[in-house]
Amino acid sequence: MKEFLDFLQHKYAYVAIGEFHPGRFAEAQRLYEKAVSTYTTGFKKAYLLQKPGTDEGIAVIVWDDIEDMEYNKNSVNQALMKEMASLFVKPPVTNFYEVCSEIGGLQEVRL
């Protein structure tokens, strides 16, 4: 029964949309990956998307609950985010979204 109840619970996605100063996307990616690597409780997955040929990007971080993001803030993570903030042209647009559908493809099983 627990598995069924877990299925009914929705996850949340933190989404940040922004643009970095020219040529700074790779540095921002490095900082993003370091920051995300500090997450533990409630963290599910993270994506960093880059619009081809630009320094524009979208970060998506999936959590069990919105509160989990606050729980995972620590001094290392905060320092990395502060360093990343200086790379943006202007502050990114951020928001939380409820994950309403999650569809995955079949994965090949290797024996």
PDB file of N, CA and C in Angstrom:
ATOM      1  N   MET A   1       0.815  -1.184   0.000  1.00  0.00           N
ATOM      2  CA  MET A   1       0.000   0.000   0.000  1.00  0.00           C
ATOM      3  C   MET A   1       0.869   1.264   0.000  1.00  0.00           C
ATOM      4  N   LYS A   2       2.033   1.192   0.665  1.00  0.00           N
ATOM      5  CA  LYS A   2       2.918   2.354   0.716  1.00  0.00           C
ATOM      6  C   LYS A   2       3.347   2.774  -0.684  1.00  0.00           C
ATOM      7  N   GLU A   3       3.659   1.811  -1.572  1.00  0.00           N
ATOM      8  CA  GLU A   3       4.073   2.146  -2.929  1.00  0.00           C
ATOM      9  C   GLU A   3       2.972   2.914  -3.663  1.00  0.00           C
ATOM     10  N   PHE A   4       1.708   2.520  -3.447  1.00  0.00           N
ATOM     11  CA  PHE A   4       0.597   3.203  -4.093  1.00  0.00           C
ATOM     12  C   PHE A   4       0.468   4.631  -3.575  1.00  0.00           C
ATOM     13  N   LEU A   5       0.617   4.816  -2.271  1.00  0.00           N
ATOM     14  CA  LEU A   5       0.531   6.158  -1.692  1.00  0.00           C
ATOM     15  C   LEU A   5       1.689   7.029  -2.172  1.00  0.00           C
ATOM     16  N   ASP A   6       2.887   6.434  -2.309  1.00  0.00           N
ATOM     17  CA  ASP A   6       4.030   7.171  -2.844  1.00  0.00           C
ATOM     18  C   ASP A   6       3.746   7.631  -4.269  1.00  0.00           C
ATOM     19  N   PHE A   7       3.071   6.797  -5.040  1.00  0.00           N
ATOM     20  CA  PHE A   7       2.733   7.116  -6.420  1.00  0.00           C
ATOM     21  C   PHE A   7       1.826   8.344  -6.488  1.00  0.00           C
ATOM     22  N   LEU A   8       0.955   8.510  -5.501  1.00  0.00           N
ATOM     23  CA  LEU A   8       0.011   9.620  -5.491  1.00  0.00           C
ATOM     24  C   LEU A   8       0.659  10.946  -5.106  1.00  0.00           C
ATOM     25  N   GLN A   9       1.826  10.894  -4.506  1.00  0.00           N
ATOM     26  CA  GLN A   9       2.507  12.121  -4.095  1.00  0.00           C
ATOM     27  C   GLN A   9       3.201  12.746  -5.300  1.00  0.00           C
ATOM     28  N   HIS A  10       3.013  14.047  -5.461  1.00  0.00           N
ATOM     29  CA  HIS A  10       3.649  14.754  -6.563  1.00  0.00           C
ATOM     30  C   HIS A  10       4.983  15.329  -6.113  1.00  0.00           C
ATOM     31  N   LYS A  11       5.914  15.364  -7.026  1.00  0.00           N
ATOM     32  CA  LYS A  11       7.197  16.002  -6.778  1.00  0.00           C
ATOM     33  C   LYS A  11       7.083  17.461  -7.203  1.00  0.00           C
ATOM     34  N   TYR A  12       8.117  18.229  -6.882  1.00  0.00           N
ATOM     35  CA  TYR A  12       8.152  19.642  -7.233  1.00  0.00           C
ATOM     36  C   TYR A  12       9.438  19.942  -7.980  1.00  0.00           C
ATOM     37  N   ALA A  13       9.341  20.832  -8.951  1.00  0.00           N
ATOM     38  CA  ALA A  13      10.510  21.226  -9.730  1.00  0.00           C
ATOM     39  C   ALA A  13      10.789  22.707  -9.503  1.00  0.00           C
ATOM     40  N   TYR A  14      12.016  22.998  -9.130  1.00  0.00           N
ATOM     41  CA  TYR A  14      12.485  24.379  -9.052  1.00  0.00           C
ATOM     42  C   TYR A  14      13.061  24.684 -10.427  1.00  0.00           C
ATOM     43  N   VAL A  15      12.597  25.757 -11.054  1.00  0.00           N
ATOM     44  CA  VAL A  15      13.030  26.103 -12.399  1.00  0.00           C
ATOM     45  C   VAL A  15      13.615  27.509 -12.386  1.00  0.00           C
ATOM     46  N   ALA A  16      14.807  27.655 -12.949  1.00  0.00           N
ATOM     47  CA  ALA A  16      15.459  28.961 -13.083  1.00  0.00           C
ATOM     48  C   ALA A  16      15.795  29.164 -14.562  1.00  0.00           C
ATOM     49  N   ILE A  17      15.377  30.306 -15.104  1.00  0.00           N
ATOM     50  CA  ILE A  17      15.615  30.630 -16.507  1.00  0.00           C
ATOM     51  C   ILE A  17      16.441  31.906 -16.547  1.00  0.00           C
ATOM     52  N   GLY A  18      17.597  31.849 -17.204  1.00  0.00           N
ATOM     53  CA  GLY A  18      18.447  33.026 -17.219  1.00  0.00           C
ATOM     54  C   GLY A  18      19.454  33.033 -18.345  1.00  0.00           C
ATOM     55  N   GLU A  19      20.208  34.113 -18.377  1.00  0.00           N
ATOM     56  CA  GLU A  19      21.255  34.279 -19.381  1.00  0.00           C
ATOM     57  C   GLU A  19      22.548  34.692 -18.686  1.00  0.00           C
ATOM     58  N   PHE A  20      23.636  34.041 -19.078  1.00  0.00           N
ATOM     59  CA  PHE A  20      24.940  34.346 -18.512  1.00  0.00           C
ATOM     60  C   PHE A  20      25.678  35.334 -19.407  1.00  0.00           C
ATOM     61  N   HIS A  21      26.648  36.011 -18.821  1.00  0.00           N
ATOM     62  CA  HIS A  21      27.498  36.891 -19.613  1.00  0.00           C
ATOM     63  C   HIS A  21      28.176  36.061 -20.697  1.00  0.00           C
ATOM     64  N   PRO A  22      28.477  36.666 -21.841  1.00  0.00           N
ATOM     65  CA  PRO A  22      29.072  35.919 -22.957  1.00  0.00           C
ATOM     66  C   PRO A  22      30.279  35.078 -22.535  1.00  0.00           C
ATOM     67  N   GLY A  23      30.248  33.827 -22.956  1.00  0.00           N
ATOM     68  CA  GLY A  23      31.357  32.916 -22.689  1.00  0.00           C
ATOM     69  C   GLY A  23      31.438  32.370 -21.280  1.00  0.00           C
ATOM     70  N   ARG A  24      30.424  32.604 -20.442  1.00  0.00           N
ATOM     71  CA  ARG A  24      30.498  32.185 -19.036  1.00  0.00           C
ATOM     72  C   ARG A  24      29.645  30.952 -18.727  1.00  0.00           C
ATOM     73  N   PHE A  25      28.968  30.399 -19.729  1.00  0.00           N
ATOM     74  CA  PHE A  25      28.076  29.266 -19.463  1.00  0.00           C
ATOM     75  C   PHE A  25      28.837  28.072 -18.883  1.00  0.00           C
ATOM     76  N   ALA A  26      29.988  27.751 -19.431  1.00  0.00           N
ATOM     77  CA  ALA A  26      30.752  26.586 -18.947  1.00  0.00           C
ATOM     78  C   ALA A  26      31.130  26.745 -17.473  1.00  0.00           C
ATOM     79  N   GLU A  27      31.506  27.950 -17.077  1.00  0.00           N
ATOM     80  CA  GLU A  27      31.843  28.201 -15.674  1.00  0.00           C
ATOM     81  C   GLU A  27      30.607  28.051 -14.787  1.00  0.00           C
ATOM     82  N   ALA A  28      29.469  28.568 -15.276  1.00  0.00           N
ATOM     83  CA  ALA A  28      28.216  28.428 -14.534  1.00  0.00           C
ATOM     84  C   ALA A  28      27.828  26.956 -14.408  1.00  0.00           C
ATOM     85  N   GLN A  29      28.037  26.192 -15.462  1.00  0.00           N
ATOM     86  CA  GLN A  29      27.727  24.760 -15.431  1.00  0.00           C
ATOM     87  C   GLN A  29      28.558  24.047 -14.374  1.00  0.00           C
ATOM     88  N   ARG A  30      29.829  24.379 -14.312  1.00  0.00           N
ATOM     89  CA  ARG A  30      30.722  23.765 -13.312  1.00  0.00           C
ATOM     90  C   ARG A  30      30.219  24.065 -11.899  1.00  0.00           C
ATOM     91  N   LEU A  31      29.849  25.327 -11.641  1.00  0.00           N
ATOM     92  CA  LEU A  31      29.357  25.714 -10.321  1.00  0.00           C
ATOM     93  C   LEU A  31      28.019  25.050 -10.010  1.00  0.00           C
ATOM     94  N   TYR A  32      27.144  24.984 -10.997  1.00  0.00           N
ATOM     95  CA  TYR A  32      25.833  24.338 -10.842  1.00  0.00           C
ATOM     96  C   TYR A  32      26.017  22.869 -10.448  1.00  0.00           C
ATOM     97  N   GLU A  33      26.891  22.170 -11.144  1.00  0.00           N
ATOM     98  CA  GLU A  33      27.119  20.749 -10.853  1.00  0.00           C
ATOM     99  C   GLU A  33      27.697  20.554  -9.452  1.00  0.00           C
ATOM    100  N   LYS A  34      28.591  21.442  -9.039  1.00  0.00           N
ATOM    101  CA  LYS A  34      29.139  21.356  -7.684  1.00  0.00           C
ATOM    102  C   LYS A  34      28.057  21.606  -6.642  1.00  0.00           C
ATOM    103  N   ALA A  35      27.217  22.616  -6.883  1.00  0.00           N
ATOM    104  CA  ALA A  35      26.148  22.937  -5.936  1.00  0.00           C
ATOM    105  C   ALA A  35      25.161  21.784  -5.826  1.00  0.00           C
ATOM    106  N   VAL A  36      24.741  21.250  -6.945  1.00  0.00           N
ATOM    107  CA  VAL A  36      23.773  20.154  -6.954  1.00  0.00           C
ATOM    108  C   VAL A  36      24.351  18.912  -6.263  1.00  0.00           C
ATOM    109  N   SER A  37      25.646  18.718  -6.365  1.00  0.00           N
ATOM    110  CA  SER A  37      26.266  17.538  -5.745  1.00  0.00           C
ATOM    111  C   SER A  37      26.185  17.580  -4.216  1.00  0.00           C
ATOM    112  N   THR A  38      25.847  18.743  -3.634  1.00  0.00           N
ATOM    113  CA  THR A  38      25.723  18.844  -2.174  1.00  0.00           C
ATOM    114  C   THR A  38      24.332  18.454  -1.684  1.00  0.00           C
ATOM    115  N   TYR A  39      23.359  18.288  -2.586  1.00  0.00           N
ATOM    116  CA  TYR A  39      21.985  17.993  -2.190  1.00  0.00           C
ATOM    117  C   TYR A  39      21.834  16.552  -1.733  1.00  0.00           C
ATOM    118  N   THR A  40      21.001  16.336  -0.707  1.00  0.00           N
ATOM    119  CA  THR A  40      20.769  14.989  -0.186  1.00  0.00           C
ATOM    120  C   THR A  40      19.274  14.745  -0.012  1.00  0.00           C
ATOM    121  N   THR A  41      18.748  15.073   1.133  1.00  0.00           N
ATOM    122  CA  THR A  41      17.365  14.782   1.499  1.00  0.00           C
ATOM    123  C   THR A  41      16.356  15.387   0.531  1.00  0.00           C
ATOM    124  N   GLY A  42      15.518  14.534  -0.038  1.00  0.00           N
ATOM    125  CA  GLY A  42      14.443  14.986  -0.913  1.00  0.00           C
ATOM    126  C   GLY A  42      14.840  15.307  -2.331  1.00  0.00           C
ATOM    127  N   PHE A  43      16.138  15.317  -2.612  1.00  0.00           N
ATOM    128  CA  PHE A  43      16.613  15.615  -3.965  1.00  0.00           C
ATOM    129  C   PHE A  43      16.381  14.411  -4.869  1.00  0.00           C
ATOM    130  N   LYS A  44      15.818  14.661  -6.056  1.00  0.00           N
ATOM    131  CA  LYS A  44      15.543  13.583  -7.013  1.00  0.00           C
ATOM    132  C   LYS A  44      16.470  13.619  -8.210  1.00  0.00           C
ATOM    133  N   LYS A  45      16.498  14.734  -8.934  1.00  0.00           N
ATOM    134  CA  LYS A  45      17.353  14.847 -10.117  1.00  0.00           C
ATOM    135  C   LYS A  45      17.469  16.307 -10.502  1.00  0.00           C
ATOM    136  N   ALA A  46      18.438  16.588 -11.367  1.00  0.00           N
ATOM    137  CA  ALA A  46      18.647  17.957 -11.826  1.00  0.00           C
ATOM    138  C   ALA A  46      19.041  17.944 -13.297  1.00  0.00           C
ATOM    139  N   TYR A  47      18.622  18.996 -13.982  1.00  0.00           N
ATOM    140  CA  TYR A  47      18.961  19.172 -15.386  1.00  0.00           C
ATOM    141  C   TYR A  47      19.447  20.602 -15.585  1.00  0.00           C
ATOM    142  N   LEU A  48      20.415  20.757 -16.470  1.00  0.00           N
ATOM    143  CA  LEU A  48      20.832  22.082 -16.900  1.00  0.00           C
ATOM    144  C   LEU A  48      20.746  22.076 -18.416  1.00  0.00           C
ATOM    145  N   LEU A  49      19.928  22.952 -18.956  1.00  0.00           N
ATOM    146  CA  LEU A  49      19.692  23.026 -20.396  1.00  0.00           C
ATOM    147  C   LEU A  49      20.317  24.294 -20.946  1.00  0.00           C
ATOM    148  N   GLN A  50      20.934  24.196 -22.125  1.00  0.00           N
ATOM    149  CA  GLN A  50      21.516  25.368 -22.764  1.00  0.00           C
ATOM    150  C   GLN A  50      20.911  25.529 -24.150  1.00  0.00           C
ATOM    151  N   LYS A  51      20.441  26.729 -24.439  1.00  0.00           N
ATOM    152  CA  LYS A  51      19.943  27.030 -25.773  1.00  0.00           C
ATOM    153  C   LYS A  51      21.152  27.034 -26.705  1.00  0.00           C
ATOM    154  N   PRO A  52      21.143  26.187 -27.751  1.00  0.00           N
ATOM    155  CA  PRO A  52      22.321  26.064 -28.621  1.00  0.00           C
ATOM    156  C   PRO A  52      22.824  27.402 -29.162  1.00  0.00           C
ATOM    157  N   GLY A  53      24.138  27.567 -29.104  1.00  0.00           N
ATOM    158  CA  GLY A  53      24.781  28.745 -29.649  1.00  0.00           C
ATOM    159  C   GLY A  53      24.610  30.007 -28.817  1.00  0.00           C
ATOM    160  N   THR A  54      24.112  29.873 -27.585  1.00  0.00           N
ATOM    161  CA  THR A  54      23.901  31.044 -26.732  1.00  0.00           C
ATOM    162  C   THR A  54      24.439  30.773 -25.333  1.00  0.00           C
ATOM    163  N   ASP A  55      24.326  31.772 -24.492  1.00  0.00           N
ATOM    164  CA  ASP A  55      24.645  31.621 -23.077  1.00  0.00           C
ATOM    165  C   ASP A  55      23.372  31.634 -22.241  1.00  0.00           C
ATOM    166  N   GLU A  56      22.239  31.288 -22.860  1.00  0.00           N
ATOM    167  CA  GLU A  56      20.954  31.200 -22.183  1.00  0.00           C
ATOM    168  C   GLU A  56      20.736  29.779 -21.687  1.00  0.00           C
ATOM    169  N   GLY A  57      20.114  29.661 -20.523  1.00  0.00           N
ATOM    170  CA  GLY A  57      19.906  28.339 -19.981  1.00  0.00           C
ATOM    171  C   GLY A  57      18.711  28.238 -19.065  1.00  0.00           C
ATOM    172  N   ILE A  58      18.357  26.987 -18.800  1.00  0.00           N
ATOM    173  CA  ILE A  58      17.277  26.664 -17.875  1.00  0.00           C
ATOM    174  C   ILE A  58      17.801  25.581 -16.937  1.00  0.00           C
ATOM    175  N   ALA A  59      17.661  25.811 -15.649  1.00  0.00           N
ATOM    176  CA  ALA A  59      18.014  24.811 -14.647  1.00  0.00           C
ATOM    177  C   ALA A  59      16.714  24.264 -14.065  1.00  0.00           C
ATOM    178  N   VAL A  60      16.646  22.942 -13.953  1.00  0.00           N
ATOM    179  CA  VAL A  60      15.481  22.284 -13.367  1.00  0.00           C
ATOM    180  C   VAL A  60      15.998  21.333 -12.287  1.00  0.00           C
ATOM    181  N   ILE A  61      15.495  21.512 -11.069  1.00  0.00           N
ATOM    182  CA  ILE A  61      15.886  20.641  -9.962  1.00  0.00           C
ATOM    183  C   ILE A  61      14.605  20.063  -9.370  1.00  0.00           C
ATOM    184  N   VAL A  62      14.528  18.739  -9.328  1.00  0.00           N
ATOM    185  CA  VAL A  62      13.319  18.061  -8.870  1.00  0.00           C
ATOM    186  C   VAL A  62      13.503  17.611  -7.424  1.00  0.00           C
ATOM    187  N   TRP A  63      12.489  17.944  -6.601  1.00  0.00           N
ATOM    188  CA  TRP A  63      12.490  17.651  -5.166  1.00  0.00           C
ATOM    189  C   TRP A  63      11.239  16.882  -4.791  1.00  0.00           C
ATOM    190  N   ASP A  64      11.311  16.133  -3.681  1.00  0.00           N
ATOM    191  CA  ASP A  64      10.117  15.500  -3.126  1.00  0.00           C
ATOM    192  C   ASP A  64       9.131  16.559  -2.655  1.00  0.00           C
ATOM    193  N   ASP A  65       9.637  17.577  -1.950  1.00  0.00           N
ATOM    194  CA  ASP A  65       8.821  18.655  -1.398  1.00  0.00           C
ATOM    195  C   ASP A  65       9.557  19.976  -1.571  1.00  0.00           C
ATOM    196  N   ILE A  66       8.831  21.055  -1.622  1.00  0.00           N
ATOM    197  CA  ILE A  66       9.440  22.379  -1.745  1.00  0.00           C
ATOM    198  C   ILE A  66      10.371  22.652  -0.562  1.00  0.00           C
ATOM    199  N   GLU A  67       9.978  22.215   0.616  1.00  0.00           N
ATOM    200  CA  GLU A  67      10.777  22.448   1.817  1.00  0.00           C
ATOM    201  C   GLU A  67      12.148  21.774   1.751  1.00  0.00           C
ATOM    202  N   ASP A  68      12.270  20.719   0.961  1.00  0.00           N
ATOM    203  CA  ASP A  68      13.548  20.011   0.855  1.00  0.00           C
ATOM    204  C   ASP A  68      14.651  20.908   0.301  1.00  0.00           C
ATOM    205  N   MET A  69      14.296  21.844  -0.561  1.00  0.00           N
ATOM    206  CA  MET A  69      15.310  22.743  -1.101  1.00  0.00           C
ATOM    207  C   MET A  69      15.889  23.616   0.006  1.00  0.00           C
ATOM    208  N   GLU A  70      15.033  24.126   0.868  1.00  0.00           N
ATOM    209  CA  GLU A  70      15.511  24.915   2.006  1.00  0.00           C
ATOM    210  C   GLU A  70      16.371  24.073   2.936  1.00  0.00           C
ATOM    211  N   TYR A  71      15.946  22.839   3.173  1.00  0.00           N
ATOM    212  CA  TYR A  71      16.673  21.944   4.061  1.00  0.00           C
ATOM    213  C   TYR A  71      18.098  21.712   3.558  1.00  0.00           C
ATOM    214  N   ASN A  72      18.271  21.681   2.246  1.00  0.00           N
ATOM    215  CA  ASN A  72      19.571  21.371   1.650  1.00  0.00           C
ATOM    216  C   ASN A  72      20.503  22.569   1.514  1.00  0.00           C
ATOM    217  N   LYS A  73      20.063  23.746   1.907  1.00  0.00           N
ATOM    218  CA  LYS A  73      20.955  24.899   1.839  1.00  0.00           C
ATOM    219  C   LYS A  73      22.014  24.769   2.923  1.00  0.00           C
ATOM    220  N   ASN A  74      23.267  24.946   2.517  1.00  0.00           N
ATOM    221  CA  ASN A  74      24.378  24.906   3.468  1.00  0.00           C
ATOM    222  C   ASN A  74      25.414  25.931   3.035  1.00  0.00           C
ATOM    223  N   SER A  75      26.439  26.106   3.812  1.00  0.00           N
ATOM    224  CA  SER A  75      27.421  27.165   3.531  1.00  0.00           C
ATOM    225  C   SER A  75      28.153  26.922   2.207  1.00  0.00           C
ATOM    226  N   VAL A  76      28.461  25.681   1.881  1.00  0.00           N
ATOM    227  CA  VAL A  76      29.144  25.368   0.624  1.00  0.00           C
ATOM    228  C   VAL A  76      28.233  25.703  -0.552  1.00  0.00           C
ATOM    229  N   ASN A  77      27.000  25.223  -0.476  1.00  0.00           N
ATOM    230  CA  ASN A  77      26.022  25.467  -1.528  1.00  0.00           C
ATOM    231  C   ASN A  77      25.784  26.966  -1.706  1.00  0.00           C
ATOM    232  N   GLN A  78      25.626  27.690  -0.626  1.00  0.00           N
ATOM    233  CA  GLN A  78      25.359  29.128  -0.687  1.00  0.00           C
ATOM    234  C   GLN A  78      26.542  29.890  -1.316  1.00  0.00           C
ATOM    235  N   ALA A  79      27.751  29.494  -0.996  1.00  0.00           N
ATOM    236  CA  ALA A  79      28.934  30.142  -1.566  1.00  0.00           C
ATOM    237  C   ALA A  79      28.999  29.907  -3.080  1.00  0.00           C
ATOM    238  N   LEU A  80      28.665  28.697  -3.515  1.00  0.00           N
ATOM    239  CA  LEU A  80      28.661  28.394  -4.947  1.00  0.00           C
ATOM    240  C   LEU A  80      27.585  29.195  -5.677  1.00  0.00           C
ATOM    241  N   MET A  81      26.414  29.312  -5.067  1.00  0.00           N
ATOM    242  CA  MET A  81      25.331  30.079  -5.685  1.00  0.00           C
ATOM    243  C   MET A  81      25.683  31.573  -5.755  1.00  0.00           C
ATOM    244  N   LYS A  82      26.349  32.071  -4.749  1.00  0.00           N
ATOM    245  CA  LYS A  82      26.767  33.476  -4.746  1.00  0.00           C
ATOM    246  C   LYS A  82      27.780  33.713  -5.864  1.00  0.00           C
ATOM    247  N   GLU A  83      28.702  32.778  -6.030  1.00  0.00           N
ATOM    248  CA  GLU A  83      29.697  32.890  -7.102  1.00  0.00           C
ATOM    249  C   GLU A  83      29.016  32.831  -8.469  1.00  0.00           C
ATOM    250  N   MET A  84      28.024  31.972  -8.607  1.00  0.00           N
ATOM    251  CA  MET A  84      27.305  31.847  -9.872  1.00  0.00           C
ATOM    252  C   MET A  84      26.490  33.105 -10.176  1.00  0.00           C
ATOM    253  N   ALA A  85      25.951  33.761  -9.173  1.00  0.00           N
ATOM    254  CA  ALA A  85      25.107  34.938  -9.369  1.00  0.00           C
ATOM    255  C   ALA A  85      25.819  36.024 -10.168  1.00  0.00           C
ATOM    256  N   SER A  86      27.120  36.156  -9.979  1.00  0.00           N
ATOM    257  CA  SER A  86      27.872  37.196 -10.693  1.00  0.00           C
ATOM    258  C   SER A  86      28.020  36.886 -12.183  1.00  0.00           C
ATOM    259  N   LEU A  87      27.718  35.662 -12.587  1.00  0.00           N
ATOM    260  CA  LEU A  87      27.849  35.273 -13.993  1.00  0.00           C
ATOM    261  C   LEU A  87      26.611  35.611 -14.817  1.00  0.00           C
ATOM    262  N   PHE A  88      25.490  35.895 -14.155  1.00  0.00           N
ATOM    263  CA  PHE A  88      24.240  36.204 -14.861  1.00  0.00           C
ATOM    264  C   PHE A  88      24.242  37.635 -15.395  1.00  0.00           C
ATOM    265  N   VAL A  89      23.623  37.834 -16.553  1.00  0.00           N
ATOM    266  CA  VAL A  89      23.404  39.171 -17.100  1.00  0.00           C
ATOM    267  C   VAL A  89      22.470  39.937 -16.170  1.00  0.00           C
ATOM    268  N   LYS A  90      21.399  39.276 -15.725  1.00  0.00           N
ATOM    269  CA  LYS A  90      20.466  39.802 -14.727  1.00  0.00           C
ATOM    270  C   LYS A  90      19.958  38.607 -13.936  1.00  0.00           C
ATOM    271  N   PRO A  91      19.401  38.810 -12.763  1.00  0.00           N
ATOM    272  CA  PRO A  91      18.944  37.665 -11.964  1.00  0.00           C
ATOM    273  C   PRO A  91      17.975  36.777 -12.769  1.00  0.00           C
ATOM    274  N   PRO A  92      18.118  35.470 -12.622  1.00  0.00           N
ATOM    275  CA  PRO A  92      17.237  34.564 -13.360  1.00  0.00           C
ATOM    276  C   PRO A  92      15.796  34.637 -12.846  1.00  0.00           C
ATOM    277  N   VAL A  93      14.876  34.263 -13.704  1.00  0.00           N
ATOM    278  CA  VAL A  93      13.477  34.140 -13.313  1.00  0.00           C
ATOM    279  C   VAL A  93      13.324  32.747 -12.712  1.00  0.00           C
ATOM    280  N   THR A  94      12.803  32.671 -11.483  1.00  0.00           N
ATOM    281  CA  THR A  94      12.697  31.378 -10.801  1.00  0.00           C
ATOM    282  C   THR A  94      11.275  31.136 -10.317  1.00  0.00           C
ATOM    283  N   ASN A  95      10.935  29.853 -10.195  1.00  0.00           N
ATOM    284  CA  ASN A  95       9.636  29.477  -9.665  1.00  0.00           C
ATOM    285  C   ASN A  95       9.626  27.992  -9.354  1.00  0.00           C
ATOM    286  N   PHE A  96       8.627  27.571  -8.578  1.00  0.00           N
ATOM    287  CA  PHE A  96       8.395  26.155  -8.320  1.00  0.00           C
ATOM    288  C   PHE A  96       7.197  25.701  -9.130  1.00  0.00           C
ATOM    289  N   TYR A  97       7.258  24.478  -9.611  1.00  0.00           N
ATOM    290  CA  TYR A  97       6.163  23.874 -10.345  1.00  0.00           C
ATOM    291  C   TYR A  97       5.890  22.493  -9.773  1.00  0.00           C
ATOM    292  N   GLU A  98       4.636  22.109  -9.734  1.00  0.00           N
ATOM    293  CA  GLU A  98       4.280  20.756  -9.341  1.00  0.00           C
ATOM    294  C   GLU A  98       4.469  19.848 -10.553  1.00  0.00           C
ATOM    295  N   VAL A  99       5.125  18.723 -10.352  1.00  0.00           N
ATOM    296  CA  VAL A  99       5.310  17.758 -11.432  1.00  0.00           C
ATOM    297  C   VAL A  99       4.013  16.965 -11.547  1.00  0.00           C
ATOM    298  N   CYS A 100       3.276  17.222 -12.611  1.00  0.00           N
ATOM    299  CA  CYS A 100       1.960  16.592 -12.795  1.00  0.00           C
ATOM    300  C   CYS A 100       2.043  15.294 -13.584  1.00  0.00           C
ATOM    301  N   SER A 101       3.013  15.188 -14.470  1.00  0.00           N
ATOM    302  CA  SER A 101       3.215  13.973 -15.264  1.00  0.00           C
ATOM    303  C   SER A 101       4.698  13.695 -15.349  1.00  0.00           C
ATOM    304  N   GLU A 102       5.029  12.442 -15.277  1.00  0.00           N
ATOM    305  CA  GLU A 102       6.426  12.025 -15.447  1.00  0.00           C
ATOM    306  C   GLU A 102       6.395  10.780 -16.311  1.00  0.00           C
ATOM    307  N   ILE A 103       6.938  10.884 -17.507  1.00  0.00           N
ATOM    308  CA  ILE A 103       6.882   9.788 -18.464  1.00  0.00           C
ATOM    309  C   ILE A 103       8.301   9.425 -18.843  1.00  0.00           C
ATOM    310  N   GLY A 104       8.643   8.171 -18.688  1.00  0.00           N
ATOM    311  CA  GLY A 104       9.983   7.719 -19.042  1.00  0.00           C
ATOM    312  C   GLY A 104       9.918   6.601 -20.051  1.00  0.00           C
ATOM    313  N   GLY A 105      10.945   6.508 -20.854  1.00  0.00           N
ATOM    314  CA  GLY A 105      11.016   5.449 -21.853  1.00  0.00           C
ATOM    315  C   GLY A 105      11.495   4.157 -21.234  1.00  0.00           C
ATOM    316  N   LEU A 106      11.325   3.102 -21.957  1.00  0.00           N
ATOM    317  CA  LEU A 106      11.822   1.799 -21.527  1.00  0.00           C
ATOM    318  C   LEU A 106      13.334   1.804 -21.606  1.00  0.00           C
ATOM    319  N   GLN A 107      13.956   1.241 -20.616  1.00  0.00           N
ATOM    320  CA  GLN A 107      15.407   1.162 -20.618  1.00  0.00           C
ATOM    321  C   GLN A 107      15.835  -0.250 -20.973  1.00  0.00           C
ATOM    322  N   GLU A 108      16.872  -0.319 -21.760  1.00  0.00           N
ATOM    323  CA  GLU A 108      17.390  -1.605 -22.164  1.00  0.00           C
ATOM    324  C   GLU A 108      18.051  -2.294 -20.974  1.00  0.00           C
ATOM    325  N   VAL A 109      17.765  -3.553 -20.811  1.00  0.00           N
ATOM    326  CA  VAL A 109      18.354  -4.335 -19.736  1.00  0.00           C
ATOM    327  C   VAL A 109      19.470  -5.184 -20.338  1.00  0.00           C
ATOM    328  N   ARG A 110      20.664  -5.044 -19.812  1.00  0.00           N
ATOM    329  CA  ARG A 110      21.812  -5.827 -20.300  1.00  0.00           C
ATOM    330  C   ARG A 110      22.095  -6.950 -19.314  1.00  0.00           C
ATOM    331  N   LEU A 111      22.268  -8.122 -19.840  1.00  0.00           N
ATOM    332  CA  LEU A 111      22.575  -9.277 -18.997  1.00  0.00           C
ATOM    333  C   LEU A 111      24.037  -9.554 -18.980  1.00  0.00           C
TER     334      LEU A 111
END
